[in-house]
Amino acid sequence: MTKTGKGSGRNWILILAAVAAGSAMSLHAQTHKPSLHGRHWMAITGKPLSVTAGAKIFERGGNAVDAAIAVGFALAVTHPAAGNLGGGGFMMIRLKNGKTTAIDYREMAPAAAHRNVYLDKNGELIKGEGGSLVGYRAAGIPGTVRGMELALKKYGSGRLTWSQLVEPARRLLRTGLQSRIRLLVRYATATNTSLNILKPSASI
């Protein structure tokens, strides 16, 4: 196991590929399915648009690791509550020769953290701000992006660049505004928060 970093990514991504390059398939009328597959590959997530991102990577000759990275970034847009650019996770990989490996990129504590970081001067557990659940001390150092970078360097197909794998997520950010507003409205409803939602301009 390769370890980059501690935390939990609660959004599952399943990317399977029997060969490095996926066979061609048409994505027309399939962009709203939670799973897509070709002759030698399959991509499944809880968000259809993220699946499409992975499928397109296979169509361009990418392998399962390439597709997993593209899907991971896309999920940060389509399902930000679980698409965890600010978190971490694991990537389990089975190579073409049958060898298996894994990358651990869960969040880690800051370098300055120590055993008693959540205890006050009396040795009591700090509650509220400054404790393990609330405030700046509660956050770990994210490992997702670093883990994906390592996965691409070691196990990517070599056919696609980092920017090409991030591009589907970037496009979703530009065209997926309606979905984002719905997420904000859902949040506002759940928390009784008032939101002033502006109409998007042509530059967004």
N, C-alpha and C. Protein backbone atom coordinates (compact mmCIF):
# COMPACT_ATOMS: atom_id res chain seq x y z
N MET A 1 0.83 -1.19 0.00
CA MET A 1 0.00 0.00 0.00
C MET A 1 0.87 1.24 0.00
N THR A 2 0.53 2.15 -0.86
CA THR A 2 1.21 3.44 -0.88
C THR A 2 0.41 4.42 -0.04
N LYS A 3 1.05 5.07 0.90
CA LYS A 3 0.35 5.99 1.80
C LYS A 3 0.79 7.41 1.52
N THR A 4 -0.16 8.27 1.23
CA THR A 4 0.15 9.69 1.06
C THR A 4 -0.25 10.45 2.30
N GLY A 5 -1.04 10.05 2.91
CA GLY A 5 -1.52 10.74 4.06
C GLY A 5 -2.13 9.80 5.01
N LYS A 6 -5.48 10.98 6.81
CA LYS A 6 -6.41 10.34 7.66
C LYS A 6 -7.70 11.06 7.45
N GLY A 7 -9.54 10.66 7.92
CA GLY A 7 -10.72 11.21 7.29
C GLY A 7 -11.44 10.15 6.52
N SER A 8 -12.52 10.49 5.97
CA SER A 8 -13.36 9.52 5.29
C SER A 8 -14.07 10.13 4.10
N GLY A 9 -13.83 9.57 2.92
CA GLY A 9 -14.60 9.98 1.75
C GLY A 9 -15.81 9.08 1.67
N ARG A 10 -17.00 9.60 1.79
CA ARG A 10 -18.19 8.77 1.89
C ARG A 10 -18.88 8.56 0.55
N ASN A 11 -18.24 8.89 -0.52
CA ASN A 11 -18.85 8.72 -1.83
C ASN A 11 -18.09 7.64 -2.58
N TRP A 12 -18.76 6.53 -2.88
CA TRP A 12 -18.09 5.41 -3.52
C TRP A 12 -17.98 5.63 -5.02
N ILE A 13 -16.84 5.25 -5.55
CA ILE A 13 -16.61 5.27 -6.99
C ILE A 13 -16.15 3.88 -7.39
N LEU A 14 -16.81 3.28 -8.36
CA LEU A 14 -16.39 1.99 -8.87
C LEU A 14 -15.98 2.15 -10.32
N ILE A 15 -14.71 1.91 -10.59
CA ILE A 15 -14.20 1.99 -11.95
C ILE A 15 -13.49 0.67 -12.24
N LEU A 16 -13.95 -0.04 -13.22
CA LEU A 16 -13.34 -1.32 -13.58
C LEU A 16 -12.89 -1.30 -15.03
N ALA A 17 -11.75 -1.88 -15.27
CA ALA A 17 -11.28 -1.97 -16.66
C ALA A 17 -10.45 -3.22 -16.83
N ALA A 18 -10.74 -3.98 -17.87
CA ALA A 18 -9.99 -5.21 -18.14
C ALA A 18 -8.75 -4.92 -18.97
N VAL A 19 -8.79 -3.83 -19.73
CA VAL A 19 -7.65 -3.44 -20.55
C VAL A 19 -7.39 -1.96 -20.34
N ALA A 20 -6.25 -1.51 -20.79
CA ALA A 20 -5.88 -0.12 -20.57
C ALA A 20 -6.81 0.85 -21.28
N ALA A 21 -7.20 0.53 -22.49
CA ALA A 21 -8.05 1.44 -23.25
C ALA A 21 -9.46 0.89 -23.33
N GLY A 22 -10.46 1.74 -23.11
CA GLY A 22 -11.84 1.31 -23.21
C GLY A 22 -12.29 1.28 -24.66
N SER A 23 -13.25 0.42 -24.95
CA SER A 23 -13.78 0.37 -26.31
C SER A 23 -14.72 1.53 -26.53
N ALA A 24 -14.88 1.92 -27.78
CA ALA A 24 -15.71 3.07 -28.09
C ALA A 24 -17.18 2.77 -27.86
N MET A 25 -17.93 3.79 -27.45
CA MET A 25 -19.36 3.66 -27.30
C MET A 25 -19.96 5.05 -27.39
N SER A 26 -21.21 5.14 -27.75
CA SER A 26 -21.88 6.43 -27.83
C SER A 26 -22.50 6.76 -26.49
N LEU A 27 -22.28 8.01 -26.03
CA LEU A 27 -22.84 8.44 -24.76
C LEU A 27 -24.15 9.18 -24.95
N HIS A 28 -24.60 9.29 -26.20
CA HIS A 28 -25.84 10.00 -26.47
C HIS A 28 -27.00 9.32 -25.76
N ALA A 29 -27.80 10.11 -25.05
CA ALA A 29 -28.99 9.63 -24.33
C ALA A 29 -28.63 8.73 -23.15
N GLN A 30 -27.34 8.70 -22.74
CA GLN A 30 -26.95 7.87 -21.61
C GLN A 30 -26.38 8.71 -20.47
N THR A 31 -26.42 10.02 -20.61
CA THR A 31 -25.77 10.88 -19.62
C THR A 31 -26.54 10.96 -18.30
N HIS A 32 -27.72 10.37 -18.23
CA HIS A 32 -28.49 10.42 -17.00
C HIS A 32 -28.55 9.07 -16.29
N LYS A 33 -27.63 8.19 -16.64
CA LYS A 33 -27.57 6.89 -15.99
C LYS A 33 -26.48 6.88 -14.92
N PRO A 34 -26.72 6.20 -13.80
CA PRO A 34 -25.70 6.14 -12.74
C PRO A 34 -24.57 5.17 -13.05
N SER A 35 -24.68 4.43 -14.15
CA SER A 35 -23.60 3.52 -14.54
C SER A 35 -23.52 3.47 -16.07
N LEU A 36 -22.32 3.31 -16.56
CA LEU A 36 -22.08 3.18 -17.99
C LEU A 36 -21.03 2.09 -18.18
N HIS A 37 -21.04 1.44 -19.33
CA HIS A 37 -20.04 0.40 -19.57
C HIS A 37 -19.74 0.27 -21.05
N GLY A 38 -18.56 -0.22 -21.32
CA GLY A 38 -18.14 -0.55 -22.67
C GLY A 38 -17.82 -2.03 -22.71
N ARG A 39 -17.11 -2.45 -23.71
CA ARG A 39 -16.79 -3.88 -23.83
C ARG A 39 -15.88 -4.36 -22.72
N HIS A 40 -14.94 -3.51 -22.30
CA HIS A 40 -13.95 -3.93 -21.32
C HIS A 40 -13.91 -3.04 -20.08
N TRP A 41 -14.91 -2.24 -19.87
CA TRP A 41 -14.88 -1.35 -18.71
C TRP A 41 -16.28 -1.03 -18.21
N MET A 42 -16.33 -0.55 -16.95
CA MET A 42 -17.59 -0.17 -16.34
C MET A 42 -17.32 0.97 -15.36
N ALA A 43 -18.20 1.95 -15.31
CA ALA A 43 -18.07 3.07 -14.38
C ALA A 43 -19.39 3.27 -13.66
N ILE A 44 -19.34 3.37 -12.33
CA ILE A 44 -20.54 3.52 -11.51
C ILE A 44 -20.29 4.56 -10.42
N THR A 45 -21.18 5.52 -10.27
CA THR A 45 -21.17 6.42 -9.12
C THR A 45 -22.62 6.75 -8.79
N GLY A 46 -22.83 7.56 -7.76
CA GLY A 46 -24.18 7.94 -7.40
C GLY A 46 -24.68 9.12 -8.21
N LYS A 47 -23.83 9.71 -9.05
CA LYS A 47 -24.20 10.89 -9.82
C LYS A 47 -23.93 10.66 -11.31
N PRO A 48 -24.98 10.62 -12.12
CA PRO A 48 -24.82 10.31 -13.56
C PRO A 48 -23.83 11.18 -14.31
N LEU A 49 -23.80 12.48 -14.07
CA LEU A 49 -22.87 13.33 -14.80
C LEU A 49 -21.42 12.97 -14.50
N SER A 50 -21.17 12.50 -13.29
CA SER A 50 -19.82 12.09 -12.93
C SER A 50 -19.45 10.80 -13.64
N VAL A 51 -20.41 9.91 -13.81
CA VAL A 51 -20.17 8.67 -14.56
C VAL A 51 -19.78 9.00 -15.99
N THR A 52 -20.47 9.96 -16.58
CA THR A 52 -20.18 10.36 -17.95
C THR A 52 -18.75 10.85 -18.09
N ALA A 53 -18.27 11.57 -17.08
CA ALA A 53 -16.89 12.05 -17.11
C ALA A 53 -15.92 10.88 -17.21
N GLY A 54 -16.17 9.83 -16.43
CA GLY A 54 -15.31 8.66 -16.48
C GLY A 54 -15.41 7.92 -17.80
N ALA A 55 -16.63 7.80 -18.31
CA ALA A 55 -16.83 7.09 -19.57
C ALA A 55 -16.10 7.78 -20.72
N LYS A 56 -16.12 9.09 -20.73
CA LYS A 56 -15.44 9.83 -21.79
C LYS A 56 -13.93 9.64 -21.73
N ILE A 57 -13.41 9.47 -20.53
CA ILE A 57 -11.97 9.22 -20.39
C ILE A 57 -11.62 7.86 -20.99
N PHE A 58 -12.46 6.86 -20.76
CA PHE A 58 -12.23 5.55 -21.38
C PHE A 58 -12.29 5.68 -22.90
N GLU A 59 -13.23 6.44 -23.40
CA GLU A 59 -13.36 6.60 -24.85
C GLU A 59 -12.11 7.23 -25.46
N ARG A 60 -11.41 8.04 -24.68
CA ARG A 60 -10.21 8.72 -25.18
C ARG A 60 -8.96 7.88 -25.00
N GLY A 61 -9.12 6.65 -24.54
CA GLY A 61 -7.98 5.76 -24.41
C GLY A 61 -7.38 5.70 -23.02
N GLY A 62 -8.03 6.32 -22.06
CA GLY A 62 -7.53 6.28 -20.69
C GLY A 62 -7.80 4.94 -20.02
N ASN A 63 -7.10 4.70 -18.92
CA ASN A 63 -7.35 3.46 -18.18
C ASN A 63 -8.23 3.74 -16.96
N ALA A 64 -8.39 2.73 -16.11
CA ALA A 64 -9.29 2.85 -14.96
C ALA A 64 -8.84 3.92 -13.98
N VAL A 65 -7.53 4.07 -13.81
CA VAL A 65 -7.02 5.08 -12.89
C VAL A 65 -7.31 6.49 -13.43
N ASP A 66 -7.07 6.69 -14.71
CA ASP A 66 -7.41 7.97 -15.34
C ASP A 66 -8.89 8.30 -15.11
N ALA A 67 -9.75 7.31 -15.36
CA ALA A 67 -11.19 7.53 -15.23
C ALA A 67 -11.58 7.81 -13.79
N ALA A 68 -10.97 7.11 -12.84
CA ALA A 68 -11.29 7.32 -11.43
C ALA A 68 -10.95 8.74 -11.00
N ILE A 69 -9.85 9.26 -11.50
CA ILE A 69 -9.44 10.63 -11.17
C ILE A 69 -10.45 11.62 -11.74
N ALA A 70 -10.83 11.44 -12.99
CA ALA A 70 -11.80 12.33 -13.62
C ALA A 70 -13.14 12.29 -12.88
N VAL A 71 -13.57 11.10 -12.51
CA VAL A 71 -14.83 10.94 -11.78
C VAL A 71 -14.74 11.60 -10.39
N GLY A 72 -13.60 11.42 -9.74
CA GLY A 72 -13.42 12.01 -8.42
C GLY A 72 -13.54 13.52 -8.44
N PHE A 73 -12.92 14.16 -9.40
CA PHE A 73 -13.02 15.61 -9.51
C PHE A 73 -14.44 16.03 -9.90
N ALA A 74 -15.09 15.25 -10.78
CA ALA A 74 -16.45 15.58 -11.19
C ALA A 74 -17.41 15.49 -10.00
N LEU A 75 -17.20 14.52 -9.13
CA LEU A 75 -18.05 14.38 -7.95
C LEU A 75 -17.92 15.57 -7.00
N ALA A 76 -16.77 16.21 -7.01
CA ALA A 76 -16.60 17.40 -6.18
C ALA A 76 -17.55 18.51 -6.63
N VAL A 77 -17.99 18.43 -7.89
CA VAL A 77 -18.93 19.42 -8.42
C VAL A 77 -20.37 18.94 -8.27
N THR A 78 -20.63 17.70 -8.66
CA THR A 78 -22.00 17.19 -8.67
C THR A 78 -22.49 16.74 -7.31
N HIS A 79 -21.59 16.42 -6.41
CA HIS A 79 -21.98 15.95 -5.07
C HIS A 79 -20.97 16.46 -4.06
N PRO A 80 -20.90 17.79 -3.87
CA PRO A 80 -19.85 18.39 -3.02
C PRO A 80 -19.87 17.92 -1.57
N ALA A 81 -21.02 17.44 -1.09
CA ALA A 81 -21.07 16.95 0.30
C ALA A 81 -20.20 15.72 0.48
N ALA A 82 -19.96 14.99 -0.61
CA ALA A 82 -19.15 13.78 -0.52
C ALA A 82 -18.00 13.78 -1.51
N GLY A 83 -18.07 14.62 -2.53
CA GLY A 83 -16.94 14.73 -3.46
C GLY A 83 -15.86 15.53 -2.75
N ASN A 84 -14.87 14.84 -2.24
CA ASN A 84 -14.08 15.39 -1.13
C ASN A 84 -12.71 15.94 -1.50
N LEU A 85 -12.67 17.02 -2.24
CA LEU A 85 -11.37 17.65 -2.48
C LEU A 85 -10.75 18.14 -1.18
N GLY A 86 -11.59 18.44 -0.20
CA GLY A 86 -11.08 18.88 1.10
C GLY A 86 -10.92 17.74 2.08
N GLY A 87 -10.97 16.51 1.58
CA GLY A 87 -10.86 15.34 2.46
C GLY A 87 -9.79 14.37 1.98
N GLY A 88 -10.13 13.10 2.02
CA GLY A 88 -9.17 12.08 1.62
C GLY A 88 -9.88 10.79 1.29
N GLY A 89 -9.13 9.72 1.10
CA GLY A 89 -9.74 8.45 0.76
C GLY A 89 -8.72 7.38 0.46
N PHE A 90 -9.17 6.35 -0.22
CA PHE A 90 -8.32 5.25 -0.64
C PHE A 90 -8.56 4.98 -2.12
N MET A 91 -7.56 4.51 -2.80
CA MET A 91 -7.74 4.01 -4.16
C MET A 91 -7.17 2.60 -4.22
N MET A 92 -8.04 1.65 -4.52
CA MET A 92 -7.62 0.26 -4.65
C MET A 92 -7.50 -0.07 -6.13
N ILE A 93 -6.37 -0.63 -6.52
CA ILE A 93 -6.05 -0.80 -7.94
C ILE A 93 -5.64 -2.24 -8.24
N ARG A 94 -6.21 -2.78 -9.29
CA ARG A 94 -5.77 -4.09 -9.80
C ARG A 94 -5.19 -3.85 -11.18
N LEU A 95 -3.92 -4.14 -11.33
CA LEU A 95 -3.23 -3.88 -12.58
C LEU A 95 -3.52 -4.96 -13.62
N LYS A 96 -3.15 -4.67 -14.85
CA LYS A 96 -3.41 -5.58 -15.95
C LYS A 96 -2.76 -6.95 -15.74
N ASN A 97 -1.60 -6.97 -15.06
CA ASN A 97 -0.91 -8.24 -14.83
C ASN A 97 -1.44 -9.01 -13.62
N GLY A 98 -2.50 -8.49 -13.00
CA GLY A 98 -3.11 -9.17 -11.86
C GLY A 98 -2.62 -8.69 -10.51
N LYS A 99 -1.57 -7.89 -10.49
CA LYS A 99 -1.05 -7.37 -9.24
C LYS A 99 -2.02 -6.36 -8.65
N THR A 100 -2.15 -6.38 -7.33
CA THR A 100 -3.04 -5.43 -6.66
C THR A 100 -2.23 -4.50 -5.76
N THR A 101 -2.71 -3.29 -5.63
CA THR A 101 -2.07 -2.31 -4.77
C THR A 101 -3.12 -1.32 -4.29
N ALA A 102 -2.75 -0.44 -3.39
CA ALA A 102 -3.69 0.57 -2.89
C ALA A 102 -2.92 1.82 -2.51
N ILE A 103 -3.59 2.94 -2.62
CA ILE A 103 -3.02 4.22 -2.19
C ILE A 103 -3.88 4.77 -1.06
N ASP A 104 -3.26 5.09 0.04
CA ASP A 104 -3.95 5.67 1.19
C ASP A 104 -3.68 7.17 1.19
N TYR A 105 -4.72 7.95 0.88
CA TYR A 105 -4.54 9.41 0.90
C TYR A 105 -5.56 10.07 1.83
N ARG A 106 -5.83 9.41 2.93
CA ARG A 106 -6.73 10.01 3.91
C ARG A 106 -6.08 11.22 4.55
N GLU A 107 -6.92 12.07 5.14
CA GLU A 107 -6.40 13.28 5.77
C GLU A 107 -5.41 12.93 6.89
N MET A 108 -4.49 13.85 7.14
CA MET A 108 -3.53 13.68 8.22
C MET A 108 -3.61 14.89 9.14
N ALA A 109 -3.17 14.70 10.36
CA ALA A 109 -3.09 15.81 11.29
C ALA A 109 -1.97 16.76 10.86
N PRO A 110 -2.09 18.04 11.17
CA PRO A 110 -1.02 18.99 10.85
C PRO A 110 0.29 18.57 11.50
N ALA A 111 1.39 18.98 10.93
CA ALA A 111 2.70 18.58 11.44
C ALA A 111 2.93 19.04 12.88
N ALA A 112 2.31 20.16 13.26
CA ALA A 112 2.51 20.69 14.62
C ALA A 112 1.60 20.05 15.66
N ALA A 113 0.70 19.15 15.22
CA ALA A 113 -0.21 18.51 16.17
C ALA A 113 0.57 17.59 17.12
N HIS A 114 0.03 17.42 18.32
CA HIS A 114 0.67 16.55 19.30
C HIS A 114 -0.39 15.77 20.07
N ARG A 115 0.03 14.88 20.92
CA ARG A 115 -0.88 13.98 21.61
C ARG A 115 -1.96 14.71 22.41
N ASN A 116 -1.62 15.81 23.03
CA ASN A 116 -2.56 16.52 23.91
C ASN A 116 -3.19 17.75 23.26
N VAL A 117 -3.22 17.80 21.96
CA VAL A 117 -3.70 18.99 21.26
C VAL A 117 -5.16 19.33 21.59
N TYR A 118 -5.95 18.32 21.97
CA TYR A 118 -7.36 18.57 22.27
C TYR A 118 -7.64 18.63 23.77
N LEU A 119 -6.59 18.79 24.56
CA LEU A 119 -6.76 18.89 26.01
C LEU A 119 -6.45 20.31 26.48
N ASP A 120 -7.18 20.78 27.48
CA ASP A 120 -6.90 22.12 28.01
C ASP A 120 -5.76 22.03 29.03
N LYS A 121 -5.45 23.16 29.68
CA LYS A 121 -4.31 23.19 30.62
C LYS A 121 -4.51 22.30 31.83
N ASN A 122 -5.77 21.90 32.08
CA ASN A 122 -6.06 21.00 33.20
C ASN A 122 -6.14 19.54 32.77
N GLY A 123 -5.84 19.30 31.51
CA GLY A 123 -5.87 17.93 31.01
C GLY A 123 -7.26 17.44 30.65
N GLU A 124 -8.23 18.37 30.59
CA GLU A 124 -9.61 18.02 30.25
C GLU A 124 -9.84 18.21 28.74
N LEU A 125 -10.73 17.40 28.19
CA LEU A 125 -11.04 17.48 26.77
C LEU A 125 -11.70 18.81 26.46
N ILE A 126 -11.18 19.51 25.44
CA ILE A 126 -11.74 20.79 25.03
C ILE A 126 -13.05 20.56 24.30
N LYS A 127 -14.09 21.29 24.70
CA LYS A 127 -15.39 21.18 24.04
C LYS A 127 -15.66 22.45 23.25
N GLY A 128 -16.32 22.30 22.11
CA GLY A 128 -16.62 23.46 21.29
C GLY A 128 -15.40 23.93 20.50
N GLU A 129 -15.30 25.25 20.30
CA GLU A 129 -14.20 25.82 19.53
C GLU A 129 -12.84 25.40 20.07
N GLY A 130 -11.98 24.93 19.18
CA GLY A 130 -10.65 24.48 19.59
C GLY A 130 -10.58 23.00 19.91
N GLY A 131 -11.74 22.34 19.93
CA GLY A 131 -11.77 20.90 20.21
C GLY A 131 -11.62 20.07 18.94
N SER A 132 -11.94 18.80 19.06
CA SER A 132 -11.75 17.89 17.93
C SER A 132 -12.89 17.92 16.92
N LEU A 133 -13.99 18.61 17.26
CA LEU A 133 -15.16 18.63 16.38
C LEU A 133 -15.50 20.00 15.81
N VAL A 134 -15.06 21.06 16.48
CA VAL A 134 -15.43 22.41 16.05
C VAL A 134 -14.19 23.29 15.95
N GLY A 135 -14.10 24.07 14.86
CA GLY A 135 -13.02 25.03 14.72
C GLY A 135 -11.84 24.53 13.91
N TYR A 136 -10.82 25.38 13.85
CA TYR A 136 -9.68 25.09 12.98
C TYR A 136 -8.92 23.83 13.36
N ARG A 137 -8.93 23.47 14.66
CA ARG A 137 -8.20 22.28 15.07
C ARG A 137 -8.89 20.99 14.65
N ALA A 138 -10.15 21.09 14.27
CA ALA A 138 -10.91 19.89 13.91
C ALA A 138 -10.61 19.41 12.49
N ALA A 139 -9.98 20.26 11.69
CA ALA A 139 -9.74 19.91 10.28
C ALA A 139 -8.41 19.20 10.08
N GLY A 140 -8.44 18.18 9.24
CA GLY A 140 -7.21 17.50 8.87
C GLY A 140 -6.65 18.11 7.59
N ILE A 141 -5.44 17.74 7.25
CA ILE A 141 -4.83 18.20 6.01
C ILE A 141 -5.34 17.30 4.88
N PRO A 142 -6.04 17.87 3.89
CA PRO A 142 -6.61 17.05 2.81
C PRO A 142 -5.55 16.25 2.05
N GLY A 143 -5.95 15.06 1.59
CA GLY A 143 -5.01 14.23 0.85
C GLY A 143 -5.49 13.83 -0.53
N THR A 144 -6.75 14.19 -0.87
CA THR A 144 -7.34 13.71 -2.12
C THR A 144 -6.54 14.09 -3.36
N VAL A 145 -6.27 15.36 -3.52
CA VAL A 145 -5.59 15.80 -4.74
C VAL A 145 -4.19 15.20 -4.84
N ARG A 146 -3.48 15.17 -3.72
CA ARG A 146 -2.13 14.57 -3.72
C ARG A 146 -2.20 13.09 -4.05
N GLY A 147 -3.20 12.40 -3.51
CA GLY A 147 -3.33 10.97 -3.79
C GLY A 147 -3.62 10.69 -5.25
N MET A 148 -4.49 11.51 -5.84
CA MET A 148 -4.80 11.34 -7.26
C MET A 148 -3.60 11.65 -8.14
N GLU A 149 -2.85 12.65 -7.73
CA GLU A 149 -1.63 12.99 -8.48
C GLU A 149 -0.66 11.81 -8.48
N LEU A 150 -0.49 11.19 -7.31
CA LEU A 150 0.40 10.04 -7.20
C LEU A 150 -0.12 8.87 -8.05
N ALA A 151 -1.44 8.65 -8.00
CA ALA A 151 -2.04 7.56 -8.78
C ALA A 151 -1.79 7.76 -10.27
N LEU A 152 -1.94 8.99 -10.74
CA LEU A 152 -1.73 9.27 -12.16
C LEU A 152 -0.29 9.02 -12.56
N LYS A 153 0.64 9.48 -11.73
CA LYS A 153 2.06 9.32 -12.05
C LYS A 153 2.48 7.85 -12.08
N LYS A 154 1.97 7.05 -11.13
CA LYS A 154 2.42 5.67 -11.02
C LYS A 154 1.60 4.68 -11.85
N TYR A 155 0.29 4.93 -11.99
CA TYR A 155 -0.57 3.93 -12.59
C TYR A 155 -1.46 4.45 -13.73
N GLY A 156 -1.33 5.71 -14.07
CA GLY A 156 -2.12 6.24 -15.18
C GLY A 156 -1.67 5.66 -16.51
N SER A 157 -2.49 5.84 -17.54
CA SER A 157 -2.19 5.27 -18.85
C SER A 157 -1.05 6.00 -19.54
N GLY A 158 -0.80 7.24 -19.15
CA GLY A 158 0.21 8.04 -19.84
C GLY A 158 -0.32 8.72 -21.09
N ARG A 159 -1.57 8.45 -21.43
CA ARG A 159 -2.16 9.03 -22.63
C ARG A 159 -2.84 10.38 -22.37
N LEU A 160 -3.19 10.64 -21.11
CA LEU A 160 -3.92 11.86 -20.78
C LEU A 160 -3.19 12.65 -19.69
N THR A 161 -3.26 13.95 -19.81
CA THR A 161 -2.60 14.81 -18.84
C THR A 161 -3.52 15.11 -17.66
N TRP A 162 -2.92 15.67 -16.61
CA TRP A 162 -3.68 16.06 -15.43
C TRP A 162 -4.79 17.05 -15.81
N SER A 163 -4.48 18.03 -16.63
CA SER A 163 -5.48 19.03 -17.01
C SER A 163 -6.62 18.41 -17.80
N GLN A 164 -6.33 17.40 -18.60
CA GLN A 164 -7.39 16.73 -19.35
C GLN A 164 -8.32 15.96 -18.44
N LEU A 165 -7.81 15.44 -17.33
CA LEU A 165 -8.65 14.69 -16.40
C LEU A 165 -9.49 15.62 -15.52
N VAL A 166 -8.98 16.82 -15.29
CA VAL A 166 -9.72 17.81 -14.50
C VAL A 166 -10.76 18.53 -15.35
N GLU A 167 -10.57 18.55 -16.66
CA GLU A 167 -11.43 19.31 -17.57
C GLU A 167 -12.92 18.98 -17.44
N PRO A 168 -13.33 17.69 -17.32
CA PRO A 168 -14.77 17.42 -17.17
C PRO A 168 -15.37 18.13 -15.95
N ALA A 169 -14.64 18.18 -14.86
CA ALA A 169 -15.13 18.87 -13.66
C ALA A 169 -15.24 20.37 -13.91
N ARG A 170 -14.25 20.92 -14.61
CA ARG A 170 -14.29 22.35 -14.91
C ARG A 170 -15.51 22.70 -15.76
N ARG A 171 -15.79 21.84 -16.74
CA ARG A 171 -16.94 22.10 -17.59
C ARG A 171 -18.25 22.00 -16.80
N LEU A 172 -18.32 21.04 -15.88
CA LEU A 172 -19.51 20.91 -15.05
C LEU A 172 -19.71 22.15 -14.19
N LEU A 173 -18.63 22.74 -13.74
CA LEU A 173 -18.73 23.96 -12.94
C LEU A 173 -19.34 25.10 -13.76
N ARG A 174 -19.05 25.13 -15.03
CA ARG A 174 -19.57 26.21 -15.88
C ARG A 174 -21.01 25.94 -16.31
N THR A 175 -21.33 24.69 -16.59
CA THR A 175 -22.66 24.36 -17.12
C THR A 175 -23.61 23.82 -16.06
N GLY A 176 -23.10 23.50 -14.90
CA GLY A 176 -23.94 22.87 -13.87
C GLY A 176 -24.46 23.81 -12.82
N LEU A 177 -24.59 25.08 -13.17
CA LEU A 177 -25.03 26.08 -12.20
C LEU A 177 -26.40 25.78 -11.64
N GLN A 178 -27.30 25.28 -12.48
CA GLN A 178 -28.65 24.97 -12.01
C GLN A 178 -28.62 23.96 -10.88
N SER A 179 -27.82 22.93 -11.04
CA SER A 179 -27.69 21.92 -10.00
C SER A 179 -27.11 22.52 -8.73
N ARG A 180 -26.14 23.41 -8.87
CA ARG A 180 -25.53 24.03 -7.71
C ARG A 180 -26.54 24.87 -6.94
N ILE A 181 -27.40 25.61 -7.67
CA ILE A 181 -28.41 26.42 -7.01
C ILE A 181 -29.39 25.53 -6.25
N ARG A 182 -29.73 24.40 -6.85
CA ARG A 182 -30.62 23.47 -6.16
C ARG A 182 -30.01 22.99 -4.85
N LEU A 183 -28.70 22.76 -4.88
CA LEU A 183 -28.03 22.34 -3.66
C LEU A 183 -28.11 23.43 -2.60
N LEU A 184 -27.94 24.68 -3.03
CA LEU A 184 -28.02 25.80 -2.10
C LEU A 184 -29.42 25.94 -1.52
N VAL A 185 -30.42 25.78 -2.38
CA VAL A 185 -31.81 25.86 -1.90
C VAL A 185 -32.10 24.75 -0.91
N ARG A 186 -31.59 23.56 -1.20
CA ARG A 186 -31.79 22.43 -0.30
C ARG A 186 -31.14 22.70 1.06
N TYR A 187 -29.96 23.28 1.01
CA TYR A 187 -29.26 23.63 2.24
C TYR A 187 -30.04 24.69 3.02
N ALA A 188 -30.51 25.71 2.29
CA ALA A 188 -31.26 26.79 2.93
C ALA A 188 -32.52 26.27 3.60
N THR A 189 -33.20 25.34 2.92
CA THR A 189 -34.42 24.77 3.47
C THR A 189 -34.14 23.98 4.75
N ALA A 190 -33.06 23.22 4.73
CA ALA A 190 -32.72 22.39 5.88
C ALA A 190 -32.26 23.20 7.09
N THR A 191 -31.68 24.36 6.81
CA THR A 191 -31.12 25.16 7.91
C THR A 191 -31.89 26.44 8.18
N ASN A 192 -33.03 26.62 7.48
CA ASN A 192 -33.84 27.83 7.64
C ASN A 192 -33.01 29.09 7.36
N THR A 193 -32.15 29.00 6.36
CA THR A 193 -31.30 30.12 5.98
C THR A 193 -31.88 30.86 4.79
N SER A 194 -31.81 32.16 4.82
CA SER A 194 -32.29 32.97 3.70
C SER A 194 -31.17 33.15 2.69
N LEU A 195 -31.47 32.84 1.43
CA LEU A 195 -30.47 32.97 0.37
C LEU A 195 -30.93 33.98 -0.67
N ASN A 196 -30.02 34.84 -1.09
CA ASN A 196 -30.27 35.75 -2.19
C ASN A 196 -29.57 35.19 -3.41
N ILE A 197 -30.30 34.49 -4.26
CA ILE A 197 -29.71 33.84 -5.43
C ILE A 197 -29.82 34.76 -6.64
N LEU A 198 -28.70 35.15 -7.17
CA LEU A 198 -28.67 36.05 -8.31
C LEU A 198 -28.78 35.26 -9.60
N LYS A 199 -29.38 35.88 -10.61
CA LYS A 199 -29.44 35.24 -11.92
C LYS A 199 -28.04 35.19 -12.51
N PRO A 200 -27.65 34.07 -13.10
CA PRO A 200 -26.30 33.97 -13.66
C PRO A 200 -26.10 34.90 -14.84
N SER A 201 -24.92 35.46 -14.94
CA SER A 201 -24.60 36.30 -16.09
C SER A 201 -23.94 35.44 -17.16
N ALA A 202 -23.77 36.02 -18.33
CA ALA A 202 -23.19 35.26 -19.44
C ALA A 202 -21.75 34.88 -19.15
N SER A 203 -21.11 35.55 -18.22
CA SER A 203 -19.70 35.30 -17.94
C SER A 203 -19.48 34.15 -16.98
N ILE A 204 -20.55 33.64 -16.36
CA ILE A 204 -20.39 32.57 -15.38
C ILE A 204 -20.14 31.24 -16.09
